[in-house]
Amino acid sequence: MTSEERSSMTIAEQENIAKSVEYEILKVEKLRALIFAIIIGSLAAIFSMASYLDVSAHNSLKNLPIVRLITGIALAGFSVFELFIWFTISRCLHTGKIIDVKWHYIIAFVEISFPTMLILISSYALHVYALFLPPVFVYFLVIALSGLRLNFSICIFTGAVAAIEYFTLAMYITNTTESPVDFHEMSLNFRNLTHLVKGLMLLAAGIITGIVTDKLKNGFLKSFQSISEKTHIMSMFGQHVSPAVMEKLLHQKNATEGEVQNVCVMFLDIRNFTTFSESRTPQEVVAYLNSLFNFMIDIVNRNEGIINKFLGDGFMAVFGAPFTNGFDARNAVNASKEIIQKLKEEIDAGNILPTTVGIGLHNGEAVTGNIGSIQRKEYTIIGDVVNLASRIESLNKQFNSQLLISEMVKEALGDDGNDAVSLGKVAVKGRAEPVEIFKLA
């Protein structure tokens, strides 16, 4: 894989992550629209009923009933608008489409303009008092909820529109509407400054919300990227390294020292492989090996083992490292017997060519961990247990057997090893003392 391919792949992954985040944002926005619709719809019903109540005969409040009626209609319209947003987002989530960013700005503009409209309507009955009603605080609510979009620009846009609309509306109301209190006695500069400060507070709220949401979004993206990178690593190397080893290396990537563990080592060799390879093309040899290794690897994994090394015409497997369930020798024997049985079934079914294997098992302590340099490391097993397991496997030729185990494995099996047949103490190459060997197949 070239560096350009890796770069392209990374860009594709980043795009997928961005789409995933956008999808989650849409789900939150869908919920937000539904909540808005329910709350505003309830307020619409309340205001519509309240419009028929005569709460005051004061001449200055004679327009209040009609104002409440219009407010109820406006609330109902806004509730319908939010329901339409909810429906549209639901369709997008169902079809997998992403809403164009310009519509987010349009929705934000409509929502932040809603309290402006309510204040304007109220001013026809309450005059400058309308600038102190709850709709003013709705600005801050809408700005805060805009943060759910996790878009810095939209938050700033919402705050800026709120600031401009409020200040403009405040200037209009204080300069054009009549008031039961002579607000004109106040200094013009003081009134303008007061509303300007409120507008700046709205703008500041948008900026702060944008900064916070931008931090949150970057945090989410980094988390997604971290998960994606880990998945990518597992995808690339999962076929080269046992999942158990990979999990251990990911959690202990800074470990520099090996650890001593009791393991059971399996060596498997395909008999007469050299003779077989002489009359076949490389492609045929690879296909033959894959037909064998496919089920052998699966059997080893199912029996709590890992394939540590491929040896061309065989492999070395380990039971008990990096993790153990306390039955390493039994797992190794079960895997060996299952491999031999499965091999016979595949040959009888005509799926593979007639093949014979030799398996050797030995149990003992070994050092497990990383070995190599900074540039290249390998998880490996080192110790006499490895050497002896290899020597025991080679004895299958001498005894015309398929599965041999050491006395250590026999002892670890307990009663499960009663079917093992002793071949006596056998001289093993490289060892001064003979080793008792047992035959299982």
Protein backbone atom coordinates (compact mmCIF):
# COMPACT_ATOMS: atom_id res chain seq x y z
CA MET A 1 0.00 0.00 0.00
CA THR A 2 1.43 3.34 -1.08
CA SER A 3 1.49 6.47 1.04
CA GLU A 4 -1.06 8.03 -1.35
CA GLU A 5 -3.44 5.11 -0.79
CA ARG A 6 -3.03 5.40 2.97
CA SER A 7 -3.67 9.15 2.77
CA SER A 8 -6.77 8.59 0.62
CA MET A 9 -8.02 5.99 3.03
CA THR A 10 -7.56 8.37 5.95
CA ILE A 11 -9.54 11.10 4.18
CA ALA A 12 -12.33 8.62 3.47
CA GLU A 13 -12.38 7.59 7.12
CA GLN A 14 -12.53 11.22 8.23
CA GLU A 15 -15.47 11.81 5.89
CA ASN A 16 -17.25 8.78 7.33
CA ILE A 17 -16.62 10.06 10.86
CA ALA A 18 -17.96 13.51 9.91
CA LYS A 19 -21.10 11.88 8.46
CA SER A 20 -21.56 9.83 11.61
CA VAL A 21 -21.31 12.94 13.77
CA GLU A 22 -23.73 14.79 11.48
CA TYR A 23 -26.15 11.88 11.74
CA GLU A 24 -26.04 12.00 15.54
CA ILE A 25 -26.53 15.77 15.48
CA LEU A 26 -29.62 15.33 13.30
CA LYS A 27 -31.08 12.88 15.81
CA VAL A 28 -30.58 15.42 18.61
CA GLU A 29 -32.06 18.20 16.46
CA LYS A 30 -35.06 16.01 15.70
CA LEU A 31 -35.69 15.57 19.42
CA ARG A 32 -35.16 19.29 20.03
CA ALA A 33 -37.74 20.17 17.34
CA LEU A 34 -40.30 17.80 18.85
CA ILE A 35 -39.80 19.24 22.35
CA PHE A 36 -40.12 22.78 20.96
CA ALA A 37 -43.30 21.84 19.11
CA ILE A 38 -44.93 20.34 22.21
CA ILE A 39 -43.99 23.20 24.54
CA ILE A 40 -44.89 25.98 22.10
CA GLY A 41 -48.11 24.17 21.11
CA SER A 42 -49.16 23.99 24.76
CA LEU A 43 -48.44 27.70 25.21
CA ALA A 44 -50.48 28.44 22.08
CA ALA A 45 -53.52 26.73 23.59
CA ILE A 46 -53.08 28.62 26.87
CA PHE A 47 -52.79 32.01 25.17
CA SER A 48 -55.75 31.32 22.93
CA MET A 49 -57.95 30.55 25.94
CA ALA A 50 -56.55 33.51 27.88
CA SER A 51 -57.55 35.89 25.09
CA TYR A 52 -61.20 35.52 26.20
CA LEU A 53 -60.49 36.57 29.79
CA ASP A 54 -61.04 40.18 30.79
CA VAL A 55 -58.20 40.67 33.26
CA SER A 56 -58.24 44.47 33.33
CA ALA A 57 -60.40 47.36 32.38
CA HIS A 58 -57.50 49.80 32.37
CA ASN A 59 -57.59 51.82 29.20
CA SER A 60 -53.89 51.32 28.57
CA LEU A 61 -54.41 47.56 28.41
CA LYS A 62 -57.45 47.58 26.14
CA ASN A 63 -55.49 45.80 23.39
CA LEU A 64 -54.33 43.00 25.66
CA PRO A 65 -56.99 40.37 24.71
CA ILE A 66 -56.36 40.75 20.99
CA VAL A 67 -52.59 40.70 21.60
CA ARG A 68 -52.94 37.43 23.49
CA LEU A 69 -55.02 35.97 20.66
CA ILE A 70 -52.43 36.96 18.06
CA THR A 71 -49.68 35.61 20.30
CA GLY A 72 -51.54 32.29 20.52
CA ILE A 73 -51.80 32.14 16.72
CA ALA A 74 -48.09 32.94 16.39
CA LEU A 75 -47.24 30.23 18.92
CA ALA A 76 -49.38 27.74 17.02
CA GLY A 77 -47.67 28.65 13.77
CA PHE A 78 -44.25 28.21 15.31
CA SER A 79 -45.31 24.85 16.75
CA VAL A 80 -46.36 23.73 13.26
CA PHE A 81 -43.02 24.96 11.93
CA GLU A 82 -41.13 22.84 14.47
CA LEU A 83 -43.31 19.83 13.63
CA PHE A 84 -42.41 20.31 9.97
CA ILE A 85 -38.70 20.35 10.93
CA TRP A 86 -39.21 17.17 12.97
CA PHE A 87 -40.90 15.47 10.01
CA THR A 88 -38.21 16.60 7.55
CA ILE A 89 -35.37 15.41 9.77
CA SER A 90 -37.13 12.08 10.28
CA ARG A 91 -37.27 11.63 6.51
CA CYS A 92 -33.59 12.53 6.17
CA LEU A 93 -32.59 10.05 8.87
CA HIS A 94 -34.69 7.35 7.21
CA THR A 95 -33.25 7.95 3.73
CA GLY A 96 -29.70 8.65 4.90
CA LYS A 97 -29.66 12.16 3.43
CA ILE A 98 -27.85 15.06 5.08
CA ILE A 99 -29.57 18.45 5.37
CA ASP A 100 -27.71 21.19 3.54
CA VAL A 101 -25.99 23.57 5.95
CA LYS A 102 -27.88 26.59 4.57
CA TRP A 103 -31.13 25.17 5.93
CA HIS A 104 -29.59 25.04 9.39
CA TYR A 105 -28.98 28.78 9.12
CA ILE A 106 -32.53 29.39 7.88
CA ILE A 107 -34.00 27.37 10.75
CA ALA A 108 -31.76 29.17 13.23
CA PHE A 109 -32.88 32.54 11.82
CA VAL A 110 -36.58 31.66 12.10
CA GLU A 111 -36.19 30.33 15.64
CA ILE A 112 -34.21 33.30 16.96
CA SER A 113 -36.66 35.69 15.28
CA PHE A 114 -39.60 34.13 17.09
CA PRO A 115 -39.04 35.94 20.44
CA THR A 116 -38.55 39.15 18.45
CA MET A 117 -41.99 38.68 16.93
CA LEU A 118 -43.54 37.95 20.33
CA ILE A 119 -42.02 41.10 21.85
CA LEU A 120 -43.23 43.17 18.88
CA ILE A 121 -46.78 41.82 19.22
CA SER A 122 -46.78 42.41 23.00
CA SER A 123 -45.58 45.98 22.59
CA TYR A 124 -48.91 47.04 21.09
CA ALA A 125 -50.56 46.44 24.46
CA LEU A 126 -47.70 46.68 26.95
CA HIS A 127 -45.51 49.23 25.20
CA VAL A 128 -41.96 49.35 26.57
CA TYR A 129 -42.89 46.81 29.24
CA ALA A 130 -42.77 44.22 26.45
CA LEU A 131 -38.98 44.48 26.59
CA PHE A 132 -39.08 42.99 30.09
CA LEU A 133 -41.38 40.04 29.34
CA PRO A 134 -40.30 36.34 29.24
CA PRO A 135 -39.81 36.38 25.42
CA VAL A 136 -36.60 38.34 26.04
CA PHE A 137 -35.23 35.36 27.92
CA VAL A 138 -36.30 33.06 25.10
CA TYR A 139 -33.40 34.53 23.13
CA PHE A 140 -30.97 32.90 25.54
CA LEU A 141 -32.89 29.62 25.43
CA VAL A 142 -32.74 29.47 21.64
CA ILE A 143 -29.05 30.41 21.66
CA ALA A 144 -28.29 27.69 24.20
CA LEU A 145 -30.22 25.09 22.19
CA SER A 146 -28.38 26.12 19.03
CA GLY A 147 -25.34 24.51 20.64
CA LEU A 148 -26.94 21.11 20.07
CA ARG A 149 -26.06 21.52 16.40
CA LEU A 150 -22.36 21.46 17.39
CA ASN A 151 -21.65 24.14 14.80
CA PHE A 152 -19.55 27.12 15.89
CA SER A 153 -20.66 29.36 13.02
CA ILE A 154 -24.38 28.74 13.59
CA CYS A 155 -24.02 29.59 17.29
CA ILE A 156 -22.29 32.87 16.43
CA PHE A 157 -24.91 33.55 13.75
CA THR A 158 -27.75 32.92 16.22
CA GLY A 159 -26.23 35.19 18.85
CA ALA A 160 -25.52 37.94 16.32
CA VAL A 161 -29.05 37.87 14.86
CA ALA A 162 -30.52 37.94 18.38
CA ALA A 163 -28.37 40.94 19.32
CA ILE A 164 -29.23 42.90 16.16
CA GLU A 165 -32.95 42.13 16.28
CA TYR A 166 -33.29 42.92 19.97
CA PHE A 167 -31.39 46.22 19.79
CA THR A 168 -33.27 47.32 16.67
CA LEU A 169 -36.62 46.32 18.19
CA ALA A 170 -35.80 48.05 21.47
CA MET A 171 -34.97 51.30 19.64
CA TYR A 172 -38.19 51.05 17.66
CA ILE A 173 -40.42 50.39 20.69
CA THR A 174 -38.91 53.05 22.96
CA ASN A 175 -39.04 55.70 20.23
CA THR A 176 -42.41 54.99 18.57
CA THR A 177 -44.82 53.47 21.10
CA GLU A 178 -46.74 55.27 23.77
CA SER A 179 -46.02 54.36 27.38
CA PRO A 180 -47.96 54.78 30.63
CA VAL A 181 -44.69 55.88 32.16
CA ASP A 182 -42.74 58.78 30.78
CA PHE A 183 -39.65 56.89 29.73
CA HIS A 184 -38.67 59.86 27.63
CA GLU A 185 -37.62 61.57 30.83
CA MET A 186 -34.72 59.16 30.93
CA SER A 187 -31.58 60.04 29.13
CA LEU A 188 -31.62 58.89 25.52
CA ASN A 189 -28.02 57.78 25.84
CA PHE A 190 -28.84 55.78 28.99
CA ARG A 191 -31.72 53.96 27.27
CA ASN A 192 -29.66 53.20 24.19
CA LEU A 193 -26.74 52.03 26.30
CA THR A 194 -28.98 49.70 28.34
CA HIS A 195 -30.37 47.98 25.26
CA LEU A 196 -26.96 47.92 23.62
CA VAL A 197 -25.55 46.08 26.63
CA LYS A 198 -28.39 43.55 26.44
CA GLY A 199 -27.69 43.05 22.76
CA LEU A 200 -24.00 42.54 23.44
CA MET A 201 -24.89 39.99 26.11
CA LEU A 202 -26.88 38.06 23.52
CA LEU A 203 -23.94 38.19 21.14
CA ALA A 204 -21.60 37.07 23.93
CA ALA A 205 -23.96 34.19 24.72
CA GLY A 206 -23.74 33.08 21.08
CA ILE A 207 -19.94 33.32 21.09
CA ILE A 208 -19.58 31.41 24.36
CA THR A 209 -22.02 28.75 23.19
CA GLY A 210 -20.10 28.44 19.93
CA ILE A 211 -16.75 28.05 21.72
CA VAL A 212 -18.13 25.41 24.09
CA THR A 213 -19.85 23.44 21.34
CA ASP A 214 -16.75 23.64 19.14
CA LYS A 215 -14.68 22.14 21.96
CA LEU A 216 -17.28 19.41 22.43
CA LYS A 217 -17.41 18.65 18.72
CA ASN A 218 -13.62 18.41 18.47
CA GLY A 219 -13.67 16.07 21.46
CA PHE A 220 -16.32 13.90 19.82
CA LEU A 221 -14.37 13.82 16.55
CA LYS A 222 -11.17 12.83 18.32
CA SER A 223 -13.01 10.06 20.14
CA PHE A 224 -14.51 8.81 16.88
CA GLN A 225 -11.12 9.01 15.17
CA SER A 226 -9.49 7.09 18.01
CA ILE A 227 -12.10 4.35 17.72
CA SER A 228 -11.73 4.37 13.93
CA GLU A 229 -7.94 4.10 14.14
CA LYS A 230 -8.18 1.18 16.55
CA THR A 231 -10.70 -0.52 14.28
CA HIS A 232 -8.45 0.13 11.30
CA ILE A 233 -5.46 -1.39 13.11
CA MET A 234 -7.49 -4.45 14.03
CA SER A 235 -8.75 -4.70 10.47
CA MET A 236 -5.25 -4.52 8.98
CA PHE A 237 -3.41 -6.74 11.44
CA GLY A 238 -6.20 -8.98 12.69
CA GLN A 239 -5.37 -11.53 10.01
CA HIS A 240 -1.67 -11.48 10.87
CA VAL A 241 -1.83 -11.50 14.66
CA SER A 242 -4.16 -13.39 16.96
CA PRO A 243 -7.00 -11.21 18.29
CA ALA A 244 -5.93 -12.10 21.84
CA VAL A 245 -2.36 -10.97 21.17
CA MET A 246 -3.54 -7.81 19.45
CA GLU A 247 -5.78 -6.90 22.38
CA LYS A 248 -2.92 -7.39 24.82
CA LEU A 249 -0.51 -5.34 22.71
CA LEU A 250 -3.03 -2.49 22.39
CA HIS A 251 -3.39 -2.30 26.16
CA GLN A 252 0.28 -2.91 26.95
CA LYS A 253 1.98 -1.12 24.08
CA ASN A 254 4.55 0.47 26.39
CA ALA A 255 5.57 -2.79 28.03
CA THR A 256 9.30 -3.46 27.61
CA GLU A 257 9.75 -6.64 29.65
CA GLY A 258 8.35 -10.12 29.04
CA GLU A 259 6.49 -12.11 31.65
CA VAL A 260 6.94 -15.70 32.74
CA GLN A 261 3.88 -17.84 32.09
CA ASN A 262 3.06 -21.52 32.12
CA VAL A 263 2.07 -22.46 28.60
CA CYS A 264 1.44 -25.47 26.42
CA VAL A 265 3.19 -25.24 23.06
CA MET A 266 1.97 -27.02 19.93
CA PHE A 267 4.06 -27.67 16.83
CA LEU A 268 2.25 -28.94 13.75
CA ASP A 269 4.02 -30.16 10.63
CA ILE A 270 2.55 -31.24 7.29
CA ARG A 271 4.21 -34.47 6.22
CA ASN A 272 5.91 -34.81 2.80
CA PHE A 273 5.28 -31.16 2.03
CA THR A 274 8.57 -30.74 0.17
CA THR A 275 7.75 -33.61 -2.19
CA PHE A 276 4.26 -32.20 -2.71
CA SER A 277 5.61 -28.73 -3.56
CA GLU A 278 8.08 -29.98 -6.17
CA SER A 279 5.36 -30.89 -8.66
CA ARG A 280 3.03 -27.92 -8.00
CA THR A 281 2.99 -24.27 -8.94
CA PRO A 282 3.37 -21.70 -6.13
CA GLN A 283 -0.30 -20.80 -6.52
CA GLU A 284 -1.34 -24.42 -6.03
CA VAL A 285 0.89 -24.74 -2.97
CA VAL A 286 -0.61 -21.60 -1.39
CA ALA A 287 -4.16 -22.77 -2.13
CA TYR A 288 -3.37 -26.16 -0.56
CA LEU A 289 -1.93 -24.58 2.59
CA ASN A 290 -4.89 -22.22 2.91
CA SER A 291 -7.34 -25.13 2.64
CA LEU A 292 -5.61 -26.70 5.64
CA PHE A 293 -4.88 -23.62 7.72
CA ASN A 294 -8.42 -22.26 7.40
CA PHE A 295 -9.98 -24.88 9.64
CA MET A 296 -6.85 -25.52 11.73
CA ILE A 297 -6.61 -21.86 12.81
CA ASP A 298 -10.30 -21.80 13.64
CA ILE A 299 -9.93 -24.92 15.79
CA VAL A 300 -6.95 -23.48 17.67
CA ASN A 301 -8.79 -20.22 18.34
CA ARG A 302 -11.91 -22.01 19.56
CA ASN A 303 -9.79 -23.94 22.05
CA GLU A 304 -8.31 -20.80 23.64
CA GLY A 305 -5.04 -20.97 21.66
CA ILE A 306 -3.23 -18.60 19.34
CA ILE A 307 -1.14 -19.17 16.23
CA ASN A 308 2.22 -17.66 17.12
CA LYS A 309 4.20 -18.47 13.96
CA PHE A 310 3.66 -20.00 10.54
CA LEU A 311 6.54 -22.23 9.56
CA GLY A 312 5.88 -22.75 5.86
CA ASP A 313 4.67 -26.34 6.11
CA GLY A 314 3.19 -25.96 9.60
CA PHE A 315 2.82 -23.64 12.54
CA MET A 316 3.54 -23.08 16.20
CA ALA A 317 0.55 -22.47 18.47
CA VAL A 318 0.48 -21.49 22.13
CA PHE A 319 -2.14 -22.20 24.78
CA GLY A 320 -1.97 -20.09 27.94
CA ALA A 321 -0.53 -16.86 26.55
CA PRO A 322 -1.27 -14.04 26.55
CA PHE A 323 -4.32 -15.24 28.51
CA THR A 324 -5.14 -18.52 30.22
CA ASN A 325 -8.25 -20.22 31.52
CA GLY A 326 -6.25 -22.71 33.59
CA PHE A 327 -6.72 -25.67 31.23
CA ASP A 328 -3.96 -25.01 28.71
CA ALA A 329 -2.77 -28.61 28.25
CA ARG A 330 -6.33 -29.90 27.93
CA ASN A 331 -7.15 -27.19 25.39
CA ALA A 332 -4.06 -28.05 23.36
CA VAL A 333 -4.87 -31.77 23.31
CA ASN A 334 -8.51 -31.11 22.40
CA ALA A 335 -7.42 -28.81 19.55
CA SER A 336 -4.91 -31.40 18.30
CA LYS A 337 -7.46 -34.23 18.28
CA GLU A 338 -10.04 -31.99 16.59
CA ILE A 339 -7.53 -31.02 13.88
CA ILE A 340 -6.73 -34.67 13.16
CA GLN A 341 -10.44 -35.59 13.06
CA LYS A 342 -11.37 -32.62 10.86
CA LEU A 343 -8.48 -33.40 8.51
CA LYS A 344 -9.78 -36.96 8.07
CA GLU A 345 -13.30 -35.68 7.37
CA GLU A 346 -12.06 -33.20 4.76
CA ILE A 347 -9.99 -35.90 3.02
CA ASP A 348 -12.92 -38.33 3.01
CA ALA A 349 -15.16 -35.62 1.57
CA GLY A 350 -12.64 -34.95 -1.19
CA ASN A 351 -12.17 -31.34 -0.19
CA ILE A 352 -8.40 -31.64 0.19
CA LEU A 353 -5.70 -33.99 -1.02
CA PRO A 354 -4.63 -36.92 1.22
CA THR A 355 -2.53 -35.30 3.95
CA THR A 356 -0.80 -36.43 7.11
CA VAL A 357 0.26 -34.16 9.95
CA GLY A 358 2.49 -34.55 12.96
CA ILE A 359 1.75 -32.71 16.20
CA GLY A 360 3.94 -32.35 19.27
CA LEU A 361 2.90 -30.84 22.63
CA HIS A 362 4.92 -29.82 25.66
CA ASN A 363 3.90 -27.94 28.78
CA GLY A 364 6.12 -25.66 30.88
CA GLU A 365 7.24 -22.15 31.74
CA ALA A 366 8.21 -19.65 29.04
CA VAL A 367 8.88 -15.95 28.71
CA THR A 368 6.15 -14.26 26.67
CA GLY A 369 6.23 -10.73 25.31
CA ASN A 370 7.61 -8.42 22.65
CA ILE A 371 10.98 -8.98 21.06
CA GLY A 372 12.70 -6.90 18.39
CA SER A 373 13.53 -3.25 17.84
CA ILE A 374 11.61 0.02 17.80
CA GLN A 375 10.95 -0.41 14.08
CA ARG A 376 9.81 -4.02 14.22
CA LYS A 377 8.56 -6.09 17.12
CA GLU A 378 6.96 -9.49 17.43
CA TYR A 379 4.97 -11.11 20.18
CA THR A 380 6.77 -14.37 20.81
CA ILE A 381 7.31 -17.24 23.24
CA ILE A 382 10.86 -18.04 24.38
CA GLY A 383 12.01 -20.94 26.50
CA ASP A 384 12.98 -24.60 26.62
CA VAL A 385 9.31 -25.54 26.39
CA VAL A 386 9.32 -24.30 22.79
CA ASN A 387 12.43 -26.23 21.80
CA LEU A 388 11.22 -29.47 23.36
CA ALA A 389 7.77 -29.21 21.76
CA SER A 390 9.48 -28.90 18.37
CA ARG A 391 11.67 -31.93 19.09
CA ILE A 392 8.66 -33.99 20.20
CA GLU A 393 6.83 -33.15 16.99
CA SER A 394 9.74 -34.43 14.90
CA LEU A 395 9.54 -37.80 16.74
CA ASN A 396 6.23 -38.52 14.97
CA LYS A 397 8.24 -39.73 11.98
CA GLN A 398 10.15 -42.16 14.18
CA PHE A 399 7.02 -43.63 15.82
CA ASN A 400 4.74 -43.33 12.76
CA SER A 401 2.29 -41.30 14.85
CA GLN A 402 0.30 -38.10 14.52
CA LEU A 403 0.11 -36.75 18.06
CA LEU A 404 2.80 -37.02 20.73
CA ILE A 405 2.88 -35.33 24.12
CA SER A 406 5.44 -34.97 26.89
CA GLU A 407 5.17 -36.29 30.43
CA MET A 408 4.43 -32.72 31.60
CA VAL A 409 1.37 -32.56 29.35
CA LYS A 410 0.26 -36.01 30.53
CA GLU A 411 0.44 -34.90 34.17
CA ALA A 412 -1.43 -31.67 33.41
CA LEU A 413 -4.24 -33.69 31.80
CA GLY A 414 -4.88 -35.80 34.90
CA ASP A 415 -7.62 -38.37 34.29
CA ASP A 416 -8.21 -36.93 30.81
CA GLY A 417 -4.84 -38.38 29.78
CA ASN A 418 -5.64 -42.02 30.57
CA ASP A 419 -5.81 -42.89 26.87
CA ALA A 420 -2.20 -41.78 26.36
CA VAL A 421 0.16 -44.64 25.52
CA SER A 422 3.68 -44.42 26.94
CA LEU A 423 6.51 -44.85 24.43
CA GLY A 424 9.09 -44.85 27.20
CA LYS A 425 11.95 -42.48 27.69
CA VAL A 426 13.25 -41.28 24.37
CA ALA A 427 16.53 -39.53 23.59
CA VAL A 428 15.78 -36.07 22.24
CA LYS A 429 18.25 -34.13 20.13
CA GLY A 430 19.91 -31.36 22.10
CA ARG A 431 19.03 -32.76 25.53
CA ALA A 432 21.30 -34.72 27.86
CA GLU A 433 18.51 -36.64 29.57
CA PRO A 434 15.88 -38.74 27.75
CA VAL A 435 12.26 -37.58 27.86
CA GLU A 436 9.21 -39.80 28.39
CA ILE A 437 6.90 -39.50 25.46
CA PHE A 438 3.21 -40.44 25.19
CA LYS A 439 1.21 -41.19 22.06
CA LEU A 440 -2.38 -39.99 21.66
CA ALA A 441 -2.87 -40.61 17.94
